[in-house]
Amino acid sequence: MPWLWNAVILLVAYLLGSIPNAVWIGRVFFKTDVRNHGSKNAGSTNTLRVLGYKAGIPVLMLDILKGFLAVKLIYLTFYYIPATGEYINFQLLLGLAVIIGHIFPVFANFRGGKGVATLLGVILAIDPVSILICVGVFMVTLIITKYVSLSSMIAGLSFPVLVIFVFNTTTSSLVIFSLIVFVLLLFTHQKNIERLVRNQESKATFLFKRKEG
């Protein structure tokens, strides 16, 4: 029964997303729960801010990896033909499952991150060309503004723009997914948006500090 096996694989994708790398690495190696410090977010940016690069870089890489691996769970099926609509649709469902897992992780009392790094891994597995451009948009915006939150949202907006207007994608599910991604980013960045409006958002100056000596 394909639908039952699909449900199992989607559950695995959610559980994969629920692995709270920032929380576990912080607790095990630094005796610190990053959710109690900085922006109180269980993501790579806050881990960088609170614990530095030795913790932040591994968290970033692992969060990207779990998004990438979740999409690749489609290889556990044998009834989807690559490049077909059904194949892409299930990839997108796996992507949504792992992102939801990251934002609402069952292994961390449903207090997760904002899903940006995991989303990066998902899109890297599905549409690598678009994600490379989005990363470029993120980096340029970050260098100019120093705001990670604003850079993430603008990069998120560039994804549906690329899918719909630049690459003229005809796969409706991918178009819908790209729009859902942007909406999810807005949802997870609500507090950041409020702080940006009030001009109270912290700049990520710690990313640009040079080590002395």
N, C-alpha and C. Protein backbone atom coordinates (compact mmCIF):
# COMPACT_ATOMS: atom_id res chain seq x y z
N MET A 1 0.84 -1.19 0.00
CA MET A 1 0.00 0.00 0.00
C MET A 1 0.89 1.25 0.00
N PRO A 2 1.07 1.87 -1.16
CA PRO A 2 1.97 3.03 -1.26
C PRO A 2 1.65 4.16 -0.30
N TRP A 3 0.35 4.42 -0.06
CA TRP A 3 -0.01 5.56 0.79
C TRP A 3 0.47 5.35 2.22
N LEU A 4 0.44 4.09 2.69
CA LEU A 4 0.89 3.80 4.04
C LEU A 4 2.40 3.96 4.15
N TRP A 5 3.12 3.47 3.14
CA TRP A 5 4.58 3.60 3.11
C TRP A 5 4.97 5.08 2.98
N ASN A 6 4.20 5.82 2.20
CA ASN A 6 4.45 7.26 2.07
C ASN A 6 4.32 7.95 3.43
N ALA A 7 3.30 7.56 4.19
CA ALA A 7 3.08 8.15 5.50
C ALA A 7 4.25 7.86 6.44
N VAL A 8 4.78 6.64 6.35
CA VAL A 8 5.93 6.25 7.18
C VAL A 8 7.15 7.11 6.81
N ILE A 9 7.38 7.27 5.51
CA ILE A 9 8.54 8.04 5.06
C ILE A 9 8.39 9.51 5.45
N LEU A 10 7.19 10.05 5.34
CA LEU A 10 6.95 11.44 5.75
C LEU A 10 7.18 11.61 7.25
N LEU A 11 6.81 10.60 8.03
CA LEU A 11 7.05 10.65 9.47
C LEU A 11 8.55 10.64 9.75
N VAL A 12 9.28 9.83 9.01
CA VAL A 12 10.74 9.79 9.16
C VAL A 12 11.35 11.16 8.83
N ALA A 13 10.82 11.80 7.77
CA ALA A 13 11.31 13.13 7.39
C ALA A 13 11.06 14.13 8.52
N TYR A 14 9.87 14.07 9.12
CA TYR A 14 9.55 14.96 10.24
C TYR A 14 10.48 14.71 11.41
N LEU A 15 10.72 13.44 11.74
CA LEU A 15 11.59 13.10 12.86
C LEU A 15 13.03 13.54 12.57
N LEU A 16 13.44 13.42 11.33
CA LEU A 16 14.77 13.89 10.93
C LEU A 16 14.88 15.40 11.15
N GLY A 17 13.82 16.11 10.76
CA GLY A 17 13.80 17.55 10.98
C GLY A 17 13.77 17.91 12.45
N SER A 18 13.22 17.02 13.27
CA SER A 18 13.08 17.29 14.70
C SER A 18 14.39 17.15 15.48
N ILE A 19 15.43 16.65 14.82
CA ILE A 19 16.72 16.54 15.51
C ILE A 19 17.23 17.95 15.80
N PRO A 20 17.26 18.38 17.06
CA PRO A 20 17.62 19.76 17.41
C PRO A 20 19.14 19.92 17.55
N ASN A 21 19.81 20.04 16.43
CA ASN A 21 21.27 20.09 16.45
C ASN A 21 21.80 21.20 17.35
N ALA A 22 21.19 22.40 17.26
CA ALA A 22 21.66 23.52 18.07
C ALA A 22 21.52 23.22 19.56
N VAL A 23 20.40 22.62 19.94
CA VAL A 23 20.15 22.33 21.35
C VAL A 23 21.09 21.24 21.86
N TRP A 24 21.20 20.16 21.11
CA TRP A 24 22.01 19.03 21.57
C TRP A 24 23.50 19.36 21.59
N ILE A 25 23.99 20.01 20.54
CA ILE A 25 25.41 20.37 20.51
C ILE A 25 25.72 21.37 21.62
N GLY A 26 24.83 22.33 21.82
CA GLY A 26 25.03 23.30 22.89
C GLY A 26 25.07 22.66 24.26
N ARG A 27 24.16 21.75 24.51
CA ARG A 27 24.08 21.11 25.82
C ARG A 27 25.23 20.14 26.07
N VAL A 28 25.54 19.32 25.07
CA VAL A 28 26.54 18.27 25.25
C VAL A 28 27.95 18.83 25.32
N PHE A 29 28.29 19.74 24.41
CA PHE A 29 29.67 20.21 24.31
C PHE A 29 29.93 21.55 25.01
N PHE A 30 28.87 22.33 25.26
CA PHE A 30 29.08 23.65 25.85
C PHE A 30 28.24 23.88 27.11
N LYS A 31 27.49 22.84 27.52
CA LYS A 31 26.67 22.93 28.73
C LYS A 31 25.75 24.16 28.69
N THR A 32 25.25 24.47 27.48
CA THR A 32 24.42 25.66 27.30
C THR A 32 23.24 25.35 26.39
N ASP A 33 22.07 25.80 26.77
CA ASP A 33 20.89 25.71 25.90
C ASP A 33 20.75 27.06 25.21
N VAL A 34 21.01 27.08 23.90
CA VAL A 34 21.01 28.35 23.17
C VAL A 34 19.65 29.02 23.19
N ARG A 35 18.61 28.27 23.50
CA ARG A 35 17.26 28.84 23.54
C ARG A 35 17.06 29.74 24.76
N ASN A 36 18.04 29.76 25.65
CA ASN A 36 17.96 30.62 26.83
C ASN A 36 18.86 31.85 26.69
N HIS A 37 19.45 32.02 25.51
CA HIS A 37 20.39 33.12 25.32
C HIS A 37 20.18 33.76 23.94
N GLY A 38 20.75 34.95 23.78
CA GLY A 38 20.67 35.63 22.49
C GLY A 38 19.25 35.87 22.05
N SER A 39 18.95 35.43 20.84
CA SER A 39 17.59 35.57 20.31
C SER A 39 16.66 34.48 20.81
N LYS A 40 17.22 33.54 21.59
CA LYS A 40 16.48 32.40 22.15
C LYS A 40 15.95 31.48 21.06
N ASN A 41 16.65 31.46 19.94
CA ASN A 41 16.26 30.63 18.81
C ASN A 41 17.21 29.45 18.66
N ALA A 42 16.66 28.27 18.37
CA ALA A 42 17.48 27.07 18.24
C ALA A 42 17.95 26.90 16.80
N GLY A 43 18.68 27.88 16.32
CA GLY A 43 19.18 27.83 14.94
C GLY A 43 20.67 28.12 14.89
N SER A 44 21.22 28.03 13.70
CA SER A 44 22.67 28.21 13.54
C SER A 44 23.12 29.64 13.82
N THR A 45 22.31 30.63 13.44
CA THR A 45 22.72 32.02 13.67
C THR A 45 22.83 32.33 15.15
N ASN A 46 21.85 31.92 15.93
CA ASN A 46 21.91 32.16 17.37
C ASN A 46 23.01 31.33 18.02
N THR A 47 23.26 30.14 17.49
CA THR A 47 24.35 29.33 18.00
C THR A 47 25.69 30.01 17.75
N LEU A 48 25.84 30.59 16.57
CA LEU A 48 27.04 31.38 16.27
C LEU A 48 27.18 32.55 17.23
N ARG A 49 26.08 33.22 17.47
CA ARG A 49 26.09 34.40 18.34
C ARG A 49 26.46 34.02 19.78
N VAL A 50 25.89 32.93 20.28
CA VAL A 50 26.06 32.55 21.68
C VAL A 50 27.31 31.72 21.93
N LEU A 51 27.59 30.76 21.04
CA LEU A 51 28.66 29.81 21.30
C LEU A 51 29.85 29.92 20.35
N GLY A 52 29.71 30.73 19.29
CA GLY A 52 30.83 30.92 18.38
C GLY A 52 30.84 29.93 17.23
N TYR A 53 31.87 30.05 16.40
CA TYR A 53 31.96 29.26 15.18
C TYR A 53 32.13 27.76 15.43
N LYS A 54 32.79 27.39 16.52
CA LYS A 54 33.02 25.96 16.78
C LYS A 54 31.70 25.20 16.95
N ALA A 55 30.67 25.89 17.38
CA ALA A 55 29.35 25.26 17.50
C ALA A 55 28.46 25.65 16.34
N GLY A 56 28.54 26.91 15.92
CA GLY A 56 27.64 27.41 14.88
C GLY A 56 27.81 26.76 13.53
N ILE A 57 29.05 26.55 13.10
CA ILE A 57 29.28 25.94 11.78
C ILE A 57 28.77 24.50 11.72
N PRO A 58 29.11 23.65 12.72
CA PRO A 58 28.54 22.29 12.70
C PRO A 58 27.01 22.28 12.70
N VAL A 59 26.39 23.16 13.48
CA VAL A 59 24.93 23.23 13.51
C VAL A 59 24.40 23.61 12.14
N LEU A 60 25.00 24.60 11.51
CA LEU A 60 24.59 25.03 10.16
C LEU A 60 24.67 23.87 9.18
N MET A 61 25.81 23.17 9.16
CA MET A 61 26.01 22.07 8.22
C MET A 61 25.03 20.92 8.47
N LEU A 62 24.82 20.60 9.73
CA LEU A 62 23.91 19.50 10.06
C LEU A 62 22.45 19.85 9.75
N ASP A 63 22.07 21.11 9.96
CA ASP A 63 20.71 21.52 9.64
C ASP A 63 20.47 21.50 8.13
N ILE A 64 21.46 21.91 7.36
CA ILE A 64 21.36 21.82 5.90
C ILE A 64 21.28 20.36 5.48
N LEU A 65 22.12 19.53 6.09
CA LEU A 65 22.19 18.11 5.72
C LEU A 65 20.86 17.40 5.97
N LYS A 66 20.21 17.70 7.09
CA LYS A 66 18.96 16.98 7.36
C LYS A 66 17.86 17.36 6.37
N GLY A 67 17.88 18.60 5.89
CA GLY A 67 16.93 18.99 4.85
C GLY A 67 17.20 18.26 3.55
N PHE A 68 18.48 18.16 3.21
CA PHE A 68 18.88 17.47 1.98
C PHE A 68 18.54 15.98 2.05
N LEU A 69 18.87 15.35 3.16
CA LEU A 69 18.62 13.91 3.32
C LEU A 69 17.13 13.59 3.34
N ALA A 70 16.33 14.47 3.92
CA ALA A 70 14.89 14.22 3.98
C ALA A 70 14.29 14.10 2.59
N VAL A 71 14.71 14.97 1.68
CA VAL A 71 14.21 14.91 0.29
C VAL A 71 14.67 13.62 -0.38
N LYS A 72 15.88 13.19 -0.05
CA LYS A 72 16.43 11.98 -0.66
C LYS A 72 15.77 10.70 -0.14
N LEU A 73 14.91 10.84 0.87
CA LEU A 73 14.17 9.67 1.35
C LEU A 73 13.24 9.11 0.28
N ILE A 74 13.03 9.89 -0.76
CA ILE A 74 12.19 9.42 -1.87
C ILE A 74 12.78 8.17 -2.51
N TYR A 75 14.08 7.96 -2.33
CA TYR A 75 14.72 6.77 -2.87
C TYR A 75 14.25 5.49 -2.18
N LEU A 76 13.55 5.66 -1.05
CA LEU A 76 13.00 4.49 -0.35
C LEU A 76 11.71 4.02 -1.02
N THR A 77 11.23 4.77 -1.98
CA THR A 77 10.06 4.33 -2.75
C THR A 77 10.54 3.70 -4.05
N PHE A 78 9.66 2.94 -4.67
CA PHE A 78 10.01 2.29 -5.93
C PHE A 78 8.94 2.53 -7.00
N TYR A 79 7.96 3.37 -6.66
CA TYR A 79 6.83 3.55 -7.55
C TYR A 79 6.75 4.95 -8.15
N TYR A 80 7.72 5.83 -7.80
CA TYR A 80 7.74 7.16 -8.40
C TYR A 80 8.82 7.22 -9.48
N ILE A 81 8.46 7.80 -10.61
CA ILE A 81 9.41 7.93 -11.72
C ILE A 81 10.05 9.31 -11.65
N PRO A 82 11.39 9.37 -11.58
CA PRO A 82 12.09 10.66 -11.49
C PRO A 82 11.65 11.65 -12.56
N ALA A 83 11.59 12.93 -12.16
CA ALA A 83 11.27 14.06 -13.05
C ALA A 83 9.79 14.15 -13.40
N THR A 84 8.97 13.23 -12.89
CA THR A 84 7.53 13.32 -13.14
C THR A 84 6.89 14.21 -12.08
N GLY A 85 5.64 14.61 -12.33
CA GLY A 85 4.93 15.45 -11.38
C GLY A 85 4.77 14.79 -10.02
N GLU A 86 4.43 13.50 -10.01
CA GLU A 86 4.23 12.79 -8.74
C GLU A 86 5.53 12.71 -7.95
N TYR A 87 6.63 12.52 -8.65
CA TYR A 87 7.95 12.43 -8.02
C TYR A 87 8.28 13.76 -7.33
N ILE A 88 8.11 14.85 -8.04
CA ILE A 88 8.40 16.19 -7.50
C ILE A 88 7.46 16.51 -6.34
N ASN A 89 6.19 16.14 -6.50
CA ASN A 89 5.21 16.41 -5.44
C ASN A 89 5.60 15.74 -4.12
N PHE A 90 6.05 14.49 -4.21
CA PHE A 90 6.43 13.80 -2.98
C PHE A 90 7.72 14.37 -2.40
N GLN A 91 8.63 14.79 -3.27
CA GLN A 91 9.83 15.46 -2.78
C GLN A 91 9.46 16.72 -1.98
N LEU A 92 8.52 17.46 -2.50
CA LEU A 92 8.08 18.69 -1.84
C LEU A 92 7.41 18.39 -0.50
N LEU A 93 6.62 17.31 -0.45
CA LEU A 93 5.99 16.92 0.81
C LEU A 93 7.05 16.54 1.85
N LEU A 94 8.07 15.83 1.40
CA LEU A 94 9.17 15.47 2.30
C LEU A 94 9.88 16.74 2.80
N GLY A 95 10.03 17.71 1.90
CA GLY A 95 10.65 18.97 2.27
C GLY A 95 9.84 19.71 3.33
N LEU A 96 8.54 19.75 3.13
CA LEU A 96 7.68 20.42 4.11
C LEU A 96 7.71 19.69 5.46
N ALA A 97 7.75 18.36 5.41
CA ALA A 97 7.76 17.57 6.65
C ALA A 97 9.02 17.86 7.47
N VAL A 98 10.18 17.92 6.81
CA VAL A 98 11.42 18.14 7.55
C VAL A 98 11.50 19.57 8.07
N ILE A 99 10.97 20.53 7.32
CA ILE A 99 10.96 21.92 7.78
C ILE A 99 10.05 22.09 8.99
N ILE A 100 8.87 21.47 8.93
CA ILE A 100 7.95 21.53 10.07
C ILE A 100 8.60 20.87 11.29
N GLY A 101 9.32 19.77 11.04
CA GLY A 101 10.02 19.11 12.13
C GLY A 101 11.06 20.01 12.77
N HIS A 102 11.76 20.78 11.94
CA HIS A 102 12.78 21.69 12.47
C HIS A 102 12.16 22.83 13.28
N ILE A 103 11.05 23.35 12.80
CA ILE A 103 10.38 24.47 13.49
C ILE A 103 9.67 23.99 14.75
N PHE A 104 9.05 22.81 14.68
CA PHE A 104 8.33 22.25 15.82
C PHE A 104 8.88 20.85 16.14
N PRO A 105 10.08 20.76 16.70
CA PRO A 105 10.72 19.47 16.93
C PRO A 105 10.16 18.70 18.12
N VAL A 106 9.76 17.48 17.89
CA VAL A 106 9.20 16.66 18.96
C VAL A 106 10.27 16.34 19.99
N PHE A 107 11.55 16.35 19.60
CA PHE A 107 12.63 16.02 20.53
C PHE A 107 13.10 17.21 21.36
N ALA A 108 12.49 18.37 21.16
CA ALA A 108 12.91 19.56 21.90
C ALA A 108 11.70 20.39 22.33
N ASN A 109 10.67 19.68 22.77
CA ASN A 109 9.45 20.34 23.27
C ASN A 109 8.84 21.31 22.27
N PHE A 110 8.99 20.99 20.99
CA PHE A 110 8.39 21.76 19.90
C PHE A 110 8.90 23.21 19.85
N ARG A 111 10.08 23.45 20.41
CA ARG A 111 10.72 24.77 20.36
C ARG A 111 11.96 24.67 19.48
N GLY A 112 11.78 24.92 18.20
CA GLY A 112 12.89 24.76 17.26
C GLY A 112 13.39 26.05 16.69
N GLY A 113 14.02 25.93 15.52
CA GLY A 113 14.57 27.09 14.84
C GLY A 113 13.61 27.65 13.82
N LYS A 114 14.12 28.52 12.96
CA LYS A 114 13.27 29.18 11.97
C LYS A 114 13.26 28.44 10.63
N GLY A 115 14.09 27.43 10.49
CA GLY A 115 14.02 26.56 9.31
C GLY A 115 14.79 27.03 8.11
N VAL A 116 15.58 28.09 8.22
CA VAL A 116 16.26 28.63 7.04
C VAL A 116 17.32 27.66 6.52
N ALA A 117 18.18 27.15 7.42
CA ALA A 117 19.24 26.24 6.99
C ALA A 117 18.67 24.93 6.46
N THR A 118 17.65 24.42 7.13
CA THR A 118 17.02 23.17 6.69
C THR A 118 16.34 23.38 5.34
N LEU A 119 15.72 24.51 5.17
CA LEU A 119 15.11 24.86 3.89
C LEU A 119 16.16 24.91 2.79
N LEU A 120 17.33 25.43 3.14
CA LEU A 120 18.44 25.48 2.18
C LEU A 120 18.78 24.08 1.69
N GLY A 121 18.83 23.12 2.61
CA GLY A 121 19.12 21.74 2.23
C GLY A 121 18.04 21.13 1.36
N VAL A 122 16.78 21.47 1.67
CA VAL A 122 15.65 20.95 0.89
C VAL A 122 15.72 21.43 -0.55
N ILE A 123 15.89 22.74 -0.73
CA ILE A 123 15.91 23.30 -2.08
C ILE A 123 17.16 22.86 -2.83
N LEU A 124 18.26 22.68 -2.09
CA LEU A 124 19.49 22.19 -2.71
C LEU A 124 19.27 20.82 -3.35
N ALA A 125 18.44 20.00 -2.71
CA ALA A 125 18.16 18.66 -3.22
C ALA A 125 17.18 18.69 -4.39
N ILE A 126 16.30 19.70 -4.42
CA ILE A 126 15.25 19.75 -5.44
C ILE A 126 15.61 20.67 -6.60
N ASP A 127 16.13 21.84 -6.28
CA ASP A 127 16.38 22.86 -7.31
C ASP A 127 17.69 23.59 -6.99
N PRO A 128 18.84 22.94 -7.21
CA PRO A 128 20.14 23.51 -6.81
C PRO A 128 20.47 24.84 -7.46
N VAL A 129 20.03 25.07 -8.69
CA VAL A 129 20.35 26.34 -9.36
C VAL A 129 19.68 27.50 -8.64
N SER A 130 18.41 27.35 -8.31
CA SER A 130 17.68 28.40 -7.61
C SER A 130 18.30 28.70 -6.26
N ILE A 131 18.68 27.65 -5.54
CA ILE A 131 19.20 27.87 -4.19
C ILE A 131 20.54 28.58 -4.23
N LEU A 132 21.34 28.33 -5.23
CA LEU A 132 22.63 29.02 -5.34
C LEU A 132 22.40 30.53 -5.54
N ILE A 133 21.40 30.86 -6.33
CA ILE A 133 21.07 32.27 -6.54
C ILE A 133 20.52 32.87 -5.25
N CYS A 134 19.67 32.13 -4.55
CA CYS A 134 19.10 32.61 -3.29
C CYS A 134 20.21 32.85 -2.26
N VAL A 135 21.18 31.96 -2.22
CA VAL A 135 22.31 32.15 -1.30
C VAL A 135 23.07 33.43 -1.65
N GLY A 136 23.23 33.68 -2.94
CA GLY A 136 23.88 34.91 -3.39
C GLY A 136 23.10 36.14 -2.94
N VAL A 137 21.77 36.08 -3.07
CA VAL A 137 20.91 37.19 -2.63
C VAL A 137 21.06 37.39 -1.12
N PHE A 138 21.09 36.28 -0.39
CA PHE A 138 21.24 36.35 1.07
C PHE A 138 22.55 37.02 1.44
N MET A 139 23.64 36.60 0.82
CA MET A 139 24.96 37.12 1.17
C MET A 139 25.08 38.61 0.85
N VAL A 140 24.59 39.01 -0.31
CA VAL A 140 24.65 40.43 -0.70
C VAL A 140 23.84 41.28 0.29
N THR A 141 22.64 40.81 0.61
CA THR A 141 21.79 41.56 1.54
C THR A 141 22.42 41.62 2.92
N LEU A 142 23.03 40.52 3.35
CA LEU A 142 23.66 40.48 4.67
C LEU A 142 24.85 41.44 4.74
N ILE A 143 25.65 41.46 3.70
CA ILE A 143 26.81 42.36 3.67
C ILE A 143 26.37 43.82 3.72
N ILE A 144 25.28 44.12 3.02
CA ILE A 144 24.80 45.50 2.96
C ILE A 144 24.11 45.92 4.26
N THR A 145 23.23 45.05 4.79
CA THR A 145 22.39 45.45 5.93
C THR A 145 22.88 44.94 7.28
N LYS A 146 23.62 43.83 7.29
CA LYS A 146 24.08 43.15 8.52
C LYS A 146 22.93 42.49 9.29
N TYR A 147 21.74 42.42 8.68
CA TYR A 147 20.60 41.77 9.32
C TYR A 147 20.42 40.37 8.73
N VAL A 148 20.61 39.33 9.55
CA VAL A 148 20.41 37.96 9.09
C VAL A 148 18.93 37.71 8.79
N SER A 149 18.05 38.22 9.63
CA SER A 149 16.61 38.00 9.45
C SER A 149 16.12 38.61 8.14
N LEU A 150 16.48 39.84 7.89
CA LEU A 150 16.06 40.51 6.66
C LEU A 150 16.64 39.81 5.44
N SER A 151 17.89 39.39 5.54
CA SER A 151 18.55 38.68 4.44
C SER A 151 17.84 37.36 4.14
N SER A 152 17.42 36.66 5.20
CA SER A 152 16.72 35.39 5.03
C SER A 152 15.39 35.59 4.33
N MET A 153 14.65 36.63 4.74
CA MET A 153 13.33 36.87 4.15
C MET A 153 13.44 37.32 2.69
N ILE A 154 14.42 38.15 2.39
CA ILE A 154 14.59 38.60 1.00
C ILE A 154 15.03 37.43 0.13
N ALA A 155 15.91 36.59 0.66
CA ALA A 155 16.32 35.39 -0.08
C ALA A 155 15.13 34.47 -0.28
N GLY A 156 14.27 34.37 0.75
CA GLY A 156 13.06 33.55 0.65
C GLY A 156 12.11 34.08 -0.40
N LEU A 157 12.01 35.39 -0.50
CA LEU A 157 11.17 36.01 -1.52
C LEU A 157 11.73 35.77 -2.91
N SER A 158 13.05 35.74 -3.02
CA SER A 158 13.67 35.54 -4.34
C SER A 158 13.40 34.14 -4.89
N PHE A 159 13.12 33.18 -4.00
CA PHE A 159 12.87 31.81 -4.46
C PHE A 159 11.62 31.72 -5.34
N PRO A 160 10.43 32.17 -4.87
CA PRO A 160 9.26 32.13 -5.77
C PRO A 160 9.42 33.03 -6.99
N VAL A 161 10.14 34.14 -6.83
CA VAL A 161 10.38 35.02 -7.99
C VAL A 161 11.16 34.27 -9.06
N LEU A 162 12.17 33.54 -8.64
CA LEU A 162 12.98 32.77 -9.58
C LEU A 162 12.15 31.66 -10.23
N VAL A 163 11.42 30.93 -9.38
CA VAL A 163 10.62 29.79 -9.86
C VAL A 163 9.56 30.24 -10.86
N ILE A 164 8.87 31.33 -10.55
CA ILE A 164 7.72 31.76 -11.36
C ILE A 164 8.13 32.61 -12.55
N PHE A 165 8.98 33.60 -12.32
CA PHE A 165 9.24 34.60 -13.35
C PHE A 165 10.55 34.39 -14.13
N VAL A 166 11.55 33.82 -13.46
CA VAL A 166 12.85 33.65 -14.15
C VAL A 166 12.91 32.33 -14.90
N PHE A 167 12.58 31.24 -14.20
CA PHE A 167 12.66 29.91 -14.83
C PHE A 167 11.34 29.45 -15.41
N ASN A 168 10.27 30.24 -15.22
CA ASN A 168 8.96 29.94 -15.80
C ASN A 168 8.54 28.49 -15.55
N THR A 169 8.64 28.08 -14.30
CA THR A 169 8.30 26.70 -13.94
C THR A 169 6.83 26.39 -14.22
N THR A 170 6.60 25.27 -14.86
CA THR A 170 5.23 24.86 -15.19
C THR A 170 4.66 23.87 -14.17
N THR A 171 5.51 23.40 -13.26
CA THR A 171 5.05 22.47 -12.23
C THR A 171 4.35 23.26 -11.13
N SER A 172 3.03 23.18 -11.09
CA SER A 172 2.25 24.01 -10.16
C SER A 172 2.60 23.73 -8.71
N SER A 173 2.91 22.48 -8.37
CA SER A 173 3.24 22.15 -6.98
C SER A 173 4.51 22.85 -6.53
N LEU A 174 5.49 22.99 -7.44
CA LEU A 174 6.73 23.67 -7.10
C LEU A 174 6.47 25.17 -6.89
N VAL A 175 5.59 25.73 -7.69
CA VAL A 175 5.22 27.14 -7.54
C VAL A 175 4.56 27.35 -6.17
N ILE A 176 3.61 26.47 -5.84
CA ILE A 176 2.91 26.56 -4.55
C ILE A 176 3.90 26.40 -3.40
N PHE A 177 4.81 25.43 -3.54
CA PHE A 177 5.81 25.19 -2.51
C PHE A 177 6.67 26.43 -2.29
N SER A 178 7.10 27.07 -3.37
CA SER A 178 7.96 28.25 -3.25
C SER A 178 7.23 29.37 -2.50
N LEU A 179 5.92 29.50 -2.75
CA LEU A 179 5.14 30.51 -2.05
C LEU A 179 4.94 30.15 -0.58
N ILE A 180 4.72 28.85 -0.30
CA ILE A 180 4.58 28.39 1.08
C ILE A 180 5.87 28.64 1.85
N VAL A 181 6.99 28.41 1.19
CA VAL A 181 8.30 28.64 1.81
C VAL A 181 8.42 30.09 2.27
N PHE A 182 8.05 31.01 1.39
CA PHE A 182 8.16 32.43 1.74
C PHE A 182 7.23 32.78 2.90
N VAL A 183 6.00 32.25 2.87
CA VAL A 183 5.04 32.51 3.94
C VAL A 183 5.56 31.93 5.27
N LEU A 184 6.15 30.73 5.21
CA LEU A 184 6.70 30.11 6.42
C LEU A 184 7.82 30.97 7.01
N LEU A 185 8.66 31.52 6.14
CA LEU A 185 9.74 32.39 6.61
C LEU A 185 9.19 33.64 7.28
N LEU A 186 8.13 34.20 6.71
CA LEU A 186 7.50 35.36 7.33
C LEU A 186 6.91 34.98 8.69
N PHE A 187 6.30 33.80 8.75
CA PHE A 187 5.70 33.33 10.01
C PHE A 187 6.75 33.15 11.09
N THR A 188 7.88 32.52 10.76
CA THR A 188 8.91 32.26 11.76
C THR A 188 9.74 33.50 12.10
N HIS A 189 9.59 34.55 11.30
CA HIS A 189 10.35 35.78 11.55
C HIS A 189 9.45 36.93 12.02
N GLN A 190 8.28 36.59 12.57
CA GLN A 190 7.35 37.64 13.00
C GLN A 190 7.98 38.62 13.98
N LYS A 191 8.66 38.10 14.99
CA LYS A 191 9.28 38.97 15.99
C LYS A 191 10.39 39.81 15.37
N ASN A 192 11.11 39.21 14.43
CA ASN A 192 12.18 39.96 13.76
C ASN A 192 11.60 41.12 12.95
N ILE A 193 10.47 40.84 12.29
CA ILE A 193 9.81 41.89 11.49
C ILE A 193 9.39 43.04 12.39
N GLU A 194 8.83 42.70 13.56
CA GLU A 194 8.41 43.74 14.50
C GLU A 194 9.61 44.58 14.96
N ARG A 195 10.73 43.90 15.23
CA ARG A 195 11.93 44.62 15.67
C ARG A 195 12.52 45.46 14.55
N LEU A 196 12.43 44.95 13.32
CA LEU A 196 12.93 45.72 12.17
C LEU A 196 12.12 47.00 11.99
N VAL A 197 10.81 46.87 12.14
CA VAL A 197 9.92 48.03 12.00
C VAL A 197 10.23 49.08 13.07
N ARG A 198 10.55 48.59 14.29
CA ARG A 198 10.86 49.51 15.40
C ARG A 198 12.34 49.93 15.41
N ASN A 199 13.09 49.41 14.43
CA ASN A 199 14.53 49.68 14.35
C ASN A 199 15.26 49.18 15.60
N GLN A 200 14.81 48.00 16.09
CA GLN A 200 15.40 47.42 17.28
C GLN A 200 16.05 46.06 17.00
N GLU A 201 16.09 45.65 15.75
CA GLU A 201 16.70 44.36 15.39
C GLU A 201 18.21 44.44 15.53
N SER A 202 18.79 43.40 16.14
CA SER A 202 20.25 43.37 16.32
C SER A 202 20.94 43.00 15.01
N LYS A 203 21.99 43.71 14.70
CA LYS A 203 22.78 43.40 13.51
C LYS A 203 23.77 42.30 13.84
N ALA A 204 24.06 41.48 12.84
CA ALA A 204 24.96 40.34 13.03
C ALA A 204 26.41 40.77 12.88
N THR A 205 26.81 41.75 13.68
CA THR A 205 28.18 42.26 13.58
C THR A 205 29.20 41.20 13.99
N PHE A 206 28.75 40.22 14.80
CA PHE A 206 29.67 39.17 15.25
C PHE A 206 30.16 38.31 14.07
N LEU A 207 29.41 38.31 12.97
CA LEU A 207 29.83 37.54 11.79
C LEU A 207 30.96 38.21 11.04
N PHE A 208 31.15 39.49 11.28
CA PHE A 208 32.12 40.25 10.50
C PHE A 208 33.35 40.66 11.31
N LYS A 209 33.41 40.20 12.57
CA LYS A 209 34.56 40.55 13.39
C LYS A 209 35.78 39.73 12.97
N ARG A 210 36.89 40.40 12.92
CA ARG A 210 38.14 39.72 12.58
C ARG A 210 38.88 39.35 13.87
N LYS A 211 39.46 38.18 13.84
CA LYS A 211 40.23 37.76 15.00
C LYS A 211 41.55 38.54 15.05
N GLU A 212 41.92 38.97 16.25
CA GLU A 212 43.17 39.70 16.39
C GLU A 212 44.33 38.75 16.50
N GLY A 213 45.50 39.20 16.02
CA GLY A 213 46.70 38.39 16.12
C GLY A 213 46.91 37.49 14.95
